[in-house]
Amino acid sequence: MSEADILTAAALYREGRSAVIIGRRLGFDPQTVLDGLRSAGVAIRARPGFARAKGQA
């Protein structure tokens, strides 16, 4: 993902869109979107229905 893609993805993610939706819009796999968001320091939301491992925030 380019810097512009990551900035767009971050804005969409902060608006509440999912990595799946963002990936479809930008043409990337959802995991690639999440990796790009993490590289930009964006906090990743927990997936609904999935408990986080103890000690993870």
N, C-alpha and C. Protein backbone atom coordinates (compact mmCIF):
# COMPACT_ATOMS: atom_id res chain seq x y z
N MET A 1 0.84 -1.18 0.00
CA MET A 1 0.00 0.00 0.00
C MET A 1 0.89 1.24 0.00
N SER A 2 0.47 2.21 -0.77
CA SER A 2 1.20 3.48 -0.78
C SER A 2 0.82 4.29 0.46
N GLU A 3 1.57 5.35 0.70
CA GLU A 3 1.24 6.23 1.83
C GLU A 3 -0.16 6.81 1.67
N ALA A 4 -0.52 7.16 0.44
CA ALA A 4 -1.85 7.71 0.19
C ALA A 4 -2.93 6.67 0.50
N ASP A 5 -2.68 5.42 0.12
CA ASP A 5 -3.63 4.34 0.42
C ASP A 5 -3.80 4.18 1.93
N ILE A 6 -2.69 4.21 2.64
CA ILE A 6 -2.74 4.04 4.10
C ILE A 6 -3.48 5.19 4.75
N LEU A 7 -3.25 6.41 4.29
CA LEU A 7 -3.97 7.56 4.85
C LEU A 7 -5.47 7.45 4.59
N THR A 8 -5.83 7.03 3.39
CA THR A 8 -7.25 6.84 3.07
C THR A 8 -7.84 5.73 3.93
N ALA A 9 -7.11 4.62 4.04
CA ALA A 9 -7.58 3.50 4.85
C ALA A 9 -7.75 3.92 6.30
N ALA A 10 -6.80 4.68 6.83
CA ALA A 10 -6.87 5.12 8.22
C ALA A 10 -8.10 6.00 8.45
N ALA A 11 -8.37 6.90 7.51
CA ALA A 11 -9.54 7.77 7.65
C ALA A 11 -10.82 6.95 7.63
N LEU A 12 -10.92 6.01 6.73
CA LEU A 12 -12.11 5.16 6.64
C LEU A 12 -12.26 4.29 7.88
N TYR A 13 -11.15 3.77 8.37
CA TYR A 13 -11.18 2.91 9.55
C TYR A 13 -11.63 3.71 10.77
N ARG A 14 -11.13 4.92 10.90
CA ARG A 14 -11.54 5.77 12.03
C ARG A 14 -13.02 6.17 11.95
N GLU A 15 -13.57 6.15 10.74
CA GLU A 15 -15.00 6.42 10.57
C GLU A 15 -15.84 5.19 10.92
N GLY A 16 -15.17 4.05 11.16
CA GLY A 16 -15.89 2.85 11.57
C GLY A 16 -15.98 1.76 10.53
N ARG A 17 -15.39 1.97 9.37
CA ARG A 17 -15.45 0.94 8.35
C ARG A 17 -14.48 -0.21 8.68
N SER A 18 -14.82 -1.39 8.21
CA SER A 18 -14.00 -2.57 8.50
C SER A 18 -12.86 -2.71 7.50
N ALA A 19 -11.88 -3.53 7.86
CA ALA A 19 -10.76 -3.80 6.95
C ALA A 19 -11.26 -4.47 5.67
N VAL A 20 -12.31 -5.29 5.78
CA VAL A 20 -12.87 -5.95 4.59
C VAL A 20 -13.44 -4.90 3.63
N ILE A 21 -14.24 -3.99 4.15
CA ILE A 21 -14.85 -2.94 3.32
C ILE A 21 -13.78 -2.04 2.72
N ILE A 22 -12.79 -1.66 3.53
CA ILE A 22 -11.71 -0.80 3.04
C ILE A 22 -10.92 -1.52 1.95
N GLY A 23 -10.62 -2.79 2.20
CA GLY A 23 -9.88 -3.57 1.21
C GLY A 23 -10.61 -3.67 -0.12
N ARG A 24 -11.90 -3.90 -0.06
CA ARG A 24 -12.69 -3.95 -1.31
C ARG A 24 -12.63 -2.62 -2.05
N ARG A 25 -12.75 -1.55 -1.29
CA ARG A 25 -12.75 -0.21 -1.92
C ARG A 25 -11.40 0.13 -2.55
N LEU A 26 -10.32 -0.24 -1.85
CA LEU A 26 -8.98 0.14 -2.32
C LEU A 26 -8.28 -0.95 -3.14
N GLY A 27 -8.86 -2.16 -3.16
CA GLY A 27 -8.26 -3.23 -3.95
C GLY A 27 -7.17 -4.01 -3.23
N PHE A 28 -7.30 -4.14 -1.90
CA PHE A 28 -6.32 -4.88 -1.12
C PHE A 28 -7.01 -5.95 -0.27
N ASP A 29 -6.25 -6.96 0.09
CA ASP A 29 -6.71 -7.98 1.02
C ASP A 29 -6.90 -7.32 2.39
N PRO A 30 -7.89 -7.75 3.18
CA PRO A 30 -8.09 -7.14 4.51
C PRO A 30 -6.86 -7.19 5.41
N GLN A 31 -6.08 -8.27 5.33
CA GLN A 31 -4.88 -8.36 6.17
C GLN A 31 -3.86 -7.31 5.75
N THR A 32 -3.77 -7.03 4.47
CA THR A 32 -2.86 -5.99 3.98
C THR A 32 -3.30 -4.63 4.52
N VAL A 33 -4.61 -4.41 4.54
CA VAL A 33 -5.14 -3.16 5.10
C VAL A 33 -4.75 -3.05 6.57
N LEU A 34 -4.96 -4.12 7.34
CA LEU A 34 -4.62 -4.08 8.77
C LEU A 34 -3.13 -3.86 8.97
N ASP A 35 -2.30 -4.51 8.17
CA ASP A 35 -0.85 -4.31 8.27
C ASP A 35 -0.48 -2.85 7.98
N GLY A 36 -1.12 -2.26 6.97
CA GLY A 36 -0.86 -0.85 6.65
C GLY A 36 -1.30 0.07 7.77
N LEU A 37 -2.46 -0.21 8.36
CA LEU A 37 -2.94 0.59 9.48
C LEU A 37 -2.00 0.50 10.67
N ARG A 38 -1.56 -0.70 10.97
CA ARG A 38 -0.61 -0.88 12.09
C ARG A 38 0.69 -0.12 11.83
N SER A 39 1.17 -0.16 10.59
CA SER A 39 2.42 0.53 10.26
C SER A 39 2.30 2.04 10.46
N ALA A 40 1.06 2.54 10.40
CA ALA A 40 0.82 3.97 10.60
C ALA A 40 0.46 4.29 12.05
N GLY A 41 0.48 3.27 12.90
CA GLY A 41 0.20 3.50 14.32
C GLY A 41 -1.27 3.56 14.67
N VAL A 42 -2.13 3.09 13.78
CA VAL A 42 -3.57 3.10 14.05
C VAL A 42 -3.91 1.93 14.97
N ALA A 43 -4.65 2.21 16.04
CA ALA A 43 -5.08 1.16 16.96
C ALA A 43 -6.15 0.32 16.27
N ILE A 44 -5.95 -0.99 16.27
CA ILE A 44 -6.88 -1.91 15.62
C ILE A 44 -7.96 -2.32 16.60
N ARG A 45 -9.21 -2.22 16.17
CA ARG A 45 -10.34 -2.61 17.01
C ARG A 45 -10.41 -4.13 17.13
N ALA A 46 -10.95 -4.59 18.25
CA ALA A 46 -11.20 -6.02 18.42
C ALA A 46 -12.33 -6.42 17.48
N ARG A 47 -12.23 -7.63 16.94
CA ARG A 47 -13.30 -8.14 16.09
C ARG A 47 -14.47 -8.54 16.97
N PRO A 48 -15.67 -8.21 16.57
CA PRO A 48 -16.84 -8.60 17.36
C PRO A 48 -16.87 -10.12 17.54
N GLY A 49 -17.10 -10.54 18.79
CA GLY A 49 -17.19 -11.96 19.08
C GLY A 49 -15.86 -12.64 19.34
N PHE A 50 -14.76 -11.90 19.27
CA PHE A 50 -13.45 -12.48 19.52
C PHE A 50 -12.86 -11.87 20.78
N ALA A 51 -12.50 -12.71 21.72
CA ALA A 51 -11.87 -12.23 22.95
C ALA A 51 -10.38 -12.04 22.68
N ARG A 52 -9.83 -11.00 23.22
CA ARG A 52 -8.39 -10.78 23.09
C ARG A 52 -7.65 -11.62 24.12
N ALA A 53 -6.44 -12.00 23.76
CA ALA A 53 -5.61 -12.76 24.68
C ALA A 53 -5.28 -11.89 25.89
N LYS A 54 -5.15 -12.52 27.03
CA LYS A 54 -4.85 -11.79 28.26
C LYS A 54 -3.56 -10.99 28.09
N GLY A 55 -3.63 -9.74 28.49
CA GLY A 55 -2.45 -8.88 28.39
C GLY A 55 -2.42 -8.04 27.13
N GLN A 56 -3.31 -8.31 26.17
CA GLN A 56 -3.35 -7.49 24.95
C GLN A 56 -4.39 -6.40 25.12
N ALA A 57 -4.08 -5.23 24.61
CA ALA A 57 -5.04 -4.12 24.69
C ALA A 57 -5.66 -3.84 23.36
